[in-house]
All heavy atoms as atom14 arrays in JSON, in Angstrom:
{
  "sequence": "VFGHKNGVSAVREALEGAVEIGLSYLTLYAF",
  "atom14_mask": [
    [1, 1, 1, 1, 1, 1, 1, 0, 0, 0, 0, 0, 0, 0],
    [1, 1, 1, 1, 1, 1, 1, 1, 1, 1, 1, 0, 0, 0],
    [1, 1, 1, 1, 0, 0, 0, 0, 0, 0, 0, 0, 0, 0],
    [1, 1, 1, 1, 1, 1, 1, 1, 1, 1, 0, 0, 0, 0],
    [1, 1, 1, 1, 1, 1, 1, 1, 1, 0, 0, 0, 0, 0],
    [1, 1, 1, 1, 1, 1, 1, 1, 0, 0, 0, 0, 0, 0],
    [1, 1, 1, 1, 0, 0, 0, 0, 0, 0, 0, 0, 0, 0],
    [1, 1, 1, 1, 1, 1, 1, 0, 0, 0, 0, 0, 0, 0],
    [1, 1, 1, 1, 1, 1, 0, 0, 0, 0, 0, 0, 0, 0],
    [1, 1, 1, 1, 1, 0, 0, 0, 0, 0, 0, 0, 0, 0],
    [1, 1, 1, 1, 1, 1, 1, 0, 0, 0, 0, 0, 0, 0],
    [1, 1, 1, 1, 1, 1, 1, 1, 1, 1, 1, 0, 0, 0],
    [1, 1, 1, 1, 1, 1, 1, 1, 1, 0, 0, 0, 0, 0],
    [1, 1, 1, 1, 1, 0, 0, 0, 0, 0, 0, 0, 0, 0],
    [1, 1, 1, 1, 1, 1, 1, 1, 0, 0, 0, 0, 0, 0],
    [1, 1, 1, 1, 1, 1, 1, 1, 1, 0, 0, 0, 0, 0],
    [1, 1, 1, 1, 0, 0, 0, 0, 0, 0, 0, 0, 0, 0],
    [1, 1, 1, 1, 1, 0, 0, 0, 0, 0, 0, 0, 0, 0],
    [1, 1, 1, 1, 1, 1, 1, 0, 0, 0, 0, 0, 0, 0],
    [1, 1, 1, 1, 1, 1, 1, 1, 1, 0, 0, 0, 0, 0],
    [1, 1, 1, 1, 1, 1, 1, 1, 0, 0, 0, 0, 0, 0],
    [1, 1, 1, 1, 0, 0, 0, 0, 0, 0, 0, 0, 0, 0],
    [1, 1, 1, 1, 1, 1, 1, 1, 0, 0, 0, 0, 0, 0],
    [1, 1, 1, 1, 1, 1, 0, 0, 0, 0, 0, 0, 0, 0],
    [1, 1, 1, 1, 1, 1, 1, 1, 1, 1, 1, 1, 0, 0],
    [1, 1, 1, 1, 1, 1, 1, 1, 0, 0, 0, 0, 0, 0],
    [1, 1, 1, 1, 1, 1, 1, 0, 0, 0, 0, 0, 0, 0],
    [1, 1, 1, 1, 1, 1, 1, 1, 0, 0, 0, 0, 0, 0],
    [1, 1, 1, 1, 1, 1, 1, 1, 1, 1, 1, 1, 0, 0],
    [1, 1, 1, 1, 1, 0, 0, 0, 0, 0, 0, 0, 0, 0],
    [1, 1, 1, 1, 1, 1, 1, 1, 1, 1, 1, 0, 0, 0]
  ],
  "atom14_positions": [
    [[77.74, 79.37, 42.74], [76.53, 78.62, 42.88], [76.23, 77.87, 41.59], [75.71, 76.71, 41.58], [75.35, 79.51, 43.32], [74.09, 78.68, 43.29], [75.62, 80.08, 44.72], [0.0, 0.0, 0.0], [0.0, 0.0, 0.0], [0.0, 0.0, 0.0], [0.0, 0.0, 0.0], [0.0, 0.0, 0.0], [0.0, 0.0, 0.0], [0.0, 0.0, 0.0]],
    [[76.53, 78.46, 40.43], [76.37, 77.82, 39.17], [77.1, 76.55, 39.14], [76.71, 75.49, 38.58], [76.74, 78.81, 38.08], [76.63, 78.22, 36.7], [75.36, 78.11, 36.03], [77.78, 77.85, 35.97], [75.24, 77.6, 34.78], [77.62, 77.31, 34.69], [76.4, 77.2, 34.1], [0.0, 0.0, 0.0], [0.0, 0.0, 0.0], [0.0, 0.0, 0.0]],
    [[78.37, 76.54, 39.59], [79.23, 75.37, 39.67], [78.54, 74.31, 40.56], [78.58, 73.09, 40.18], [0.0, 0.0, 0.0], [0.0, 0.0, 0.0], [0.0, 0.0, 0.0], [0.0, 0.0, 0.0], [0.0, 0.0, 0.0], [0.0, 0.0, 0.0], [0.0, 0.0, 0.0], [0.0, 0.0, 0.0], [0.0, 0.0, 0.0], [0.0, 0.0, 0.0]],
    [[78.12, 74.63, 41.75], [77.5, 73.71, 42.6], [76.26, 73.08, 42.01], [76.09, 71.8, 42.17], [77.09, 74.35, 43.98], [78.24, 74.98, 44.68], [79.42, 74.16, 44.97], [78.48, 76.17, 45.26], [80.21, 74.94, 45.69], [79.73, 76.11, 45.89], [0.0, 0.0, 0.0], [0.0, 0.0, 0.0], [0.0, 0.0, 0.0], [0.0, 0.0, 0.0]],
    [[75.46, 73.86, 41.29], [74.25, 73.24, 40.67], [74.64, 72.27, 39.58], [74.04, 71.16, 39.46], [73.41, 74.41, 40.11], [72.69, 75.22, 41.13], [71.89, 76.33, 40.49], [71.19, 77.16, 41.63], [70.37, 78.21, 41.02], [0.0, 0.0, 0.0], [0.0, 0.0, 0.0], [0.0, 0.0, 0.0], [0.0, 0.0, 0.0], [0.0, 0.0, 0.0]],
    [[75.64, 72.59, 38.8], [76.12, 71.68, 37.74], [76.87, 70.5, 38.37], [76.88, 69.4, 37.72], [77.05, 72.4, 36.78], [76.33, 73.23, 35.75], [75.9, 72.7, 34.68], [75.96, 74.46, 36.08], [0.0, 0.0, 0.0], [0.0, 0.0, 0.0], [0.0, 0.0, 0.0], [0.0, 0.0, 0.0], [0.0, 0.0, 0.0], [0.0, 0.0, 0.0]],
    [[77.35, 70.62, 39.59], [77.99, 69.5, 40.22], [77.04, 68.4, 40.58], [77.49, 67.2, 40.76], [0.0, 0.0, 0.0], [0.0, 0.0, 0.0], [0.0, 0.0, 0.0], [0.0, 0.0, 0.0], [0.0, 0.0, 0.0], [0.0, 0.0, 0.0], [0.0, 0.0, 0.0], [0.0, 0.0, 0.0], [0.0, 0.0, 0.0], [0.0, 0.0, 0.0]],
    [[75.73, 68.72, 40.66], [74.73, 67.67, 40.96], [74.67, 66.62, 39.8], [74.53, 65.42, 40.11], [73.33, 68.32, 41.12], [72.24, 67.28, 41.23], [73.29, 69.2, 42.4], [0.0, 0.0, 0.0], [0.0, 0.0, 0.0], [0.0, 0.0, 0.0], [0.0, 0.0, 0.0], [0.0, 0.0, 0.0], [0.0, 0.0, 0.0], [0.0, 0.0, 0.0]],
    [[74.92, 67.02, 38.62], [74.98, 66.13, 37.5], [76.12, 65.09, 37.66], [75.98, 63.9, 37.29], [75.05, 66.85, 36.15], [73.95, 67.67, 36.01], [0.0, 0.0, 0.0], [0.0, 0.0, 0.0], [0.0, 0.0, 0.0], [0.0, 0.0, 0.0], [0.0, 0.0, 0.0], [0.0, 0.0, 0.0], [0.0, 0.0, 0.0], [0.0, 0.0, 0.0]],
    [[77.19, 65.6, 38.15], [78.36, 64.75, 38.39], [78.06, 63.75, 39.49], [78.55, 62.55, 39.43], [79.58, 65.57, 38.69], [0.0, 0.0, 0.0], [0.0, 0.0, 0.0], [0.0, 0.0, 0.0], [0.0, 0.0, 0.0], [0.0, 0.0, 0.0], [0.0, 0.0, 0.0], [0.0, 0.0, 0.0], [0.0, 0.0, 0.0], [0.0, 0.0, 0.0]],
    [[77.36, 64.21, 40.53], [76.92, 63.3, 41.57], [76.08, 62.09, 40.99], [76.3, 60.92, 41.29], [76.18, 64.0, 42.63], [75.51, 63.05, 43.65], [77.07, 64.98, 43.39], [0.0, 0.0, 0.0], [0.0, 0.0, 0.0], [0.0, 0.0, 0.0], [0.0, 0.0, 0.0], [0.0, 0.0, 0.0], [0.0, 0.0, 0.0], [0.0, 0.0, 0.0]],
    [[75.16, 62.47, 40.14], [74.34, 61.52, 39.52], [75.17, 60.53, 38.71], [74.95, 59.33, 38.66], [73.27, 62.21, 38.66], [72.22, 61.28, 38.12], [71.1, 62.01, 37.33], [70.51, 63.03, 38.21], [70.52, 64.32, 38.0], [71.33, 64.74, 36.97], [69.92, 65.16, 38.77], [0.0, 0.0, 0.0], [0.0, 0.0, 0.0], [0.0, 0.0, 0.0]],
    [[76.16, 61.06, 37.96], [77.05, 60.21, 37.08], [77.79, 59.26, 38.02], [77.98, 58.06, 37.68], [78.04, 61.09, 36.37], [77.51, 61.64, 35.09], [77.42, 60.57, 33.99], [78.44, 59.96, 33.69], [76.29, 60.43, 33.42], [0.0, 0.0, 0.0], [0.0, 0.0, 0.0], [0.0, 0.0, 0.0], [0.0, 0.0, 0.0], [0.0, 0.0, 0.0]],
    [[78.39, 59.74, 39.13], [79.14, 58.83, 39.96], [78.24, 57.76, 40.6], [78.63, 56.58, 40.62], [79.82, 59.7, 41.06], [0.0, 0.0, 0.0], [0.0, 0.0, 0.0], [0.0, 0.0, 0.0], [0.0, 0.0, 0.0], [0.0, 0.0, 0.0], [0.0, 0.0, 0.0], [0.0, 0.0, 0.0], [0.0, 0.0, 0.0], [0.0, 0.0, 0.0]],
    [[77.05, 58.15, 41.0], [76.14, 57.24, 41.73], [75.61, 56.21, 40.7], [75.63, 54.95, 40.97], [74.99, 57.94, 42.35], [73.98, 57.12, 43.08], [74.68, 56.26, 44.15], [72.88, 57.98, 43.72], [0.0, 0.0, 0.0], [0.0, 0.0, 0.0], [0.0, 0.0, 0.0], [0.0, 0.0, 0.0], [0.0, 0.0, 0.0], [0.0, 0.0, 0.0]],
    [[75.22, 56.6, 39.49], [74.77, 55.73, 38.48], [75.89, 54.75, 38.04], [75.62, 53.55, 37.77], [74.17, 56.49, 37.27], [72.93, 57.18, 37.61], [72.26, 57.91, 36.41], [72.96, 57.96, 35.34], [71.16, 58.48, 36.56], [0.0, 0.0, 0.0], [0.0, 0.0, 0.0], [0.0, 0.0, 0.0], [0.0, 0.0, 0.0], [0.0, 0.0, 0.0]],
    [[77.13, 55.26, 37.96], [78.22, 54.42, 37.59], [78.47, 53.35, 38.72], [78.74, 52.21, 38.38], [0.0, 0.0, 0.0], [0.0, 0.0, 0.0], [0.0, 0.0, 0.0], [0.0, 0.0, 0.0], [0.0, 0.0, 0.0], [0.0, 0.0, 0.0], [0.0, 0.0, 0.0], [0.0, 0.0, 0.0], [0.0, 0.0, 0.0], [0.0, 0.0, 0.0]],
    [[78.35, 53.85, 39.96], [78.56, 52.88, 41.02], [77.49, 51.72, 41.04], [77.82, 50.54, 41.24], [78.45, 53.64, 42.42], [0.0, 0.0, 0.0], [0.0, 0.0, 0.0], [0.0, 0.0, 0.0], [0.0, 0.0, 0.0], [0.0, 0.0, 0.0], [0.0, 0.0, 0.0], [0.0, 0.0, 0.0], [0.0, 0.0, 0.0], [0.0, 0.0, 0.0]],
    [[76.25, 52.1, 40.75], [75.11, 51.1, 40.7], [75.38, 50.23, 39.5], [75.15, 49.02, 39.58], [73.84, 51.8, 40.62], [72.71, 50.84, 40.3], [73.5, 52.61, 41.9], [0.0, 0.0, 0.0], [0.0, 0.0, 0.0], [0.0, 0.0, 0.0], [0.0, 0.0, 0.0], [0.0, 0.0, 0.0], [0.0, 0.0, 0.0], [0.0, 0.0, 0.0]],
    [[75.77, 50.81, 38.36], [76.01, 50.07, 37.17], [77.01, 48.84, 37.29], [76.74, 47.77, 36.71], [76.45, 50.96, 36.08], [76.43, 50.47, 34.64], [76.78, 51.57, 33.62], [76.47, 52.74, 33.84], [77.43, 51.17, 32.62], [0.0, 0.0, 0.0], [0.0, 0.0, 0.0], [0.0, 0.0, 0.0], [0.0, 0.0, 0.0], [0.0, 0.0, 0.0]],
    [[78.07, 49.06, 38.02], [79.05, 47.99, 38.16], [78.94, 47.27, 39.46], [79.62, 46.28, 39.64], [80.48, 48.56, 38.01], [80.83, 49.61, 39.11], [80.67, 49.12, 36.66], [82.28, 50.02, 39.13], [0.0, 0.0, 0.0], [0.0, 0.0, 0.0], [0.0, 0.0, 0.0], [0.0, 0.0, 0.0], [0.0, 0.0, 0.0], [0.0, 0.0, 0.0]],
    [[78.03, 47.75, 40.4], [77.8, 46.92, 41.6], [78.65, 47.26, 42.79], [78.91, 46.48, 43.69], [0.0, 0.0, 0.0], [0.0, 0.0, 0.0], [0.0, 0.0, 0.0], [0.0, 0.0, 0.0], [0.0, 0.0, 0.0], [0.0, 0.0, 0.0], [0.0, 0.0, 0.0], [0.0, 0.0, 0.0], [0.0, 0.0, 0.0], [0.0, 0.0, 0.0]],
    [[79.05, 48.58, 42.93], [79.73, 49.08, 44.12], [78.76, 48.94, 45.35], [77.63, 49.31, 45.25], [80.23, 50.47, 44.01], [81.48, 50.71, 43.2], [81.84, 52.24, 43.25], [82.62, 49.85, 43.61], [0.0, 0.0, 0.0], [0.0, 0.0, 0.0], [0.0, 0.0, 0.0], [0.0, 0.0, 0.0], [0.0, 0.0, 0.0], [0.0, 0.0, 0.0]],
    [[79.27, 48.61, 46.47], [78.48, 48.48, 47.7], [78.39, 49.83, 48.39], [77.36, 50.17, 49.03], [79.06, 47.5, 48.69], [79.02, 46.17, 48.06], [0.0, 0.0, 0.0], [0.0, 0.0, 0.0], [0.0, 0.0, 0.0], [0.0, 0.0, 0.0], [0.0, 0.0, 0.0], [0.0, 0.0, 0.0], [0.0, 0.0, 0.0], [0.0, 0.0, 0.0]],
    [[79.39, 50.66, 48.42], [79.49, 51.86, 49.21], [80.11, 53.02, 48.35], [81.24, 52.84, 47.82], [80.23, 51.74, 50.52], [79.6, 50.88, 51.57], [79.9, 49.44, 51.5], [78.69, 51.32, 52.48], [79.27, 48.6, 52.4], [78.05, 50.44, 53.38], [78.4, 49.09, 53.35], [77.78, 48.26, 54.27], [0.0, 0.0, 0.0], [0.0, 0.0, 0.0]],
    [[79.47, 54.17, 48.37], [80.0, 55.38, 47.75], [79.74, 56.51, 48.69], [78.66, 56.78, 49.09], [79.25, 55.67, 46.44], [79.69, 56.95, 45.71], [81.14, 56.81, 45.12], [78.68, 57.29, 44.62], [0.0, 0.0, 0.0], [0.0, 0.0, 0.0], [0.0, 0.0, 0.0], [0.0, 0.0, 0.0], [0.0, 0.0, 0.0], [0.0, 0.0, 0.0]],
    [[80.86, 57.17, 49.12], [80.76, 58.22, 50.1], [81.29, 59.55, 49.45], [82.38, 59.61, 48.88], [81.52, 57.96, 51.3], [81.0, 56.78, 51.9], [81.43, 59.09, 52.36], [0.0, 0.0, 0.0], [0.0, 0.0, 0.0], [0.0, 0.0, 0.0], [0.0, 0.0, 0.0], [0.0, 0.0, 0.0], [0.0, 0.0, 0.0], [0.0, 0.0, 0.0]],
    [[80.48, 60.58, 49.54], [80.81, 61.88, 48.92], [80.97, 62.95, 49.91], [80.18, 63.11, 50.83], [79.64, 62.28, 47.87], [79.29, 61.28, 46.89], [78.06, 61.77, 46.03], [80.48, 60.95, 45.96], [0.0, 0.0, 0.0], [0.0, 0.0, 0.0], [0.0, 0.0, 0.0], [0.0, 0.0, 0.0], [0.0, 0.0, 0.0], [0.0, 0.0, 0.0]],
    [[82.09, 63.64, 49.84], [82.42, 64.82, 50.75], [81.58, 65.99, 50.29], [82.06, 66.78, 49.41], [83.95, 65.07, 50.72], [84.49, 65.71, 51.9], [83.73, 66.09, 53.03], [85.81, 66.14, 51.95], [84.23, 66.67, 54.14], [86.41, 66.7, 53.03], [85.67, 67.0, 54.11], [86.18, 67.58, 55.18], [0.0, 0.0, 0.0], [0.0, 0.0, 0.0]],
    [[80.4, 66.21, 50.82], [79.47, 67.16, 50.36], [79.69, 68.54, 50.98], [79.46, 69.63, 50.36], [78.07, 66.73, 50.49], [0.0, 0.0, 0.0], [0.0, 0.0, 0.0], [0.0, 0.0, 0.0], [0.0, 0.0, 0.0], [0.0, 0.0, 0.0], [0.0, 0.0, 0.0], [0.0, 0.0, 0.0], [0.0, 0.0, 0.0], [0.0, 0.0, 0.0]],
    [[80.0, 68.55, 52.25], [80.12, 69.84, 53.05], [80.94, 69.52, 54.25], [80.57, 68.77, 55.1], [78.71, 70.31, 53.37], [78.73, 71.8, 53.73], [78.53, 72.83, 52.87], [78.79, 72.16, 55.12], [78.55, 74.19, 53.31], [78.78, 73.46, 55.52], [78.7, 74.51, 54.59], [0.0, 0.0, 0.0], [0.0, 0.0, 0.0], [0.0, 0.0, 0.0]]
  ]
}
């Protein structure tokens, strides 16, 4: 669970990076 909680920061990194460069779609395999 500790890993899953820290994985949220990586989700934020991926999403902010996508927004930063202008990606239209980002899909994450969450479950």
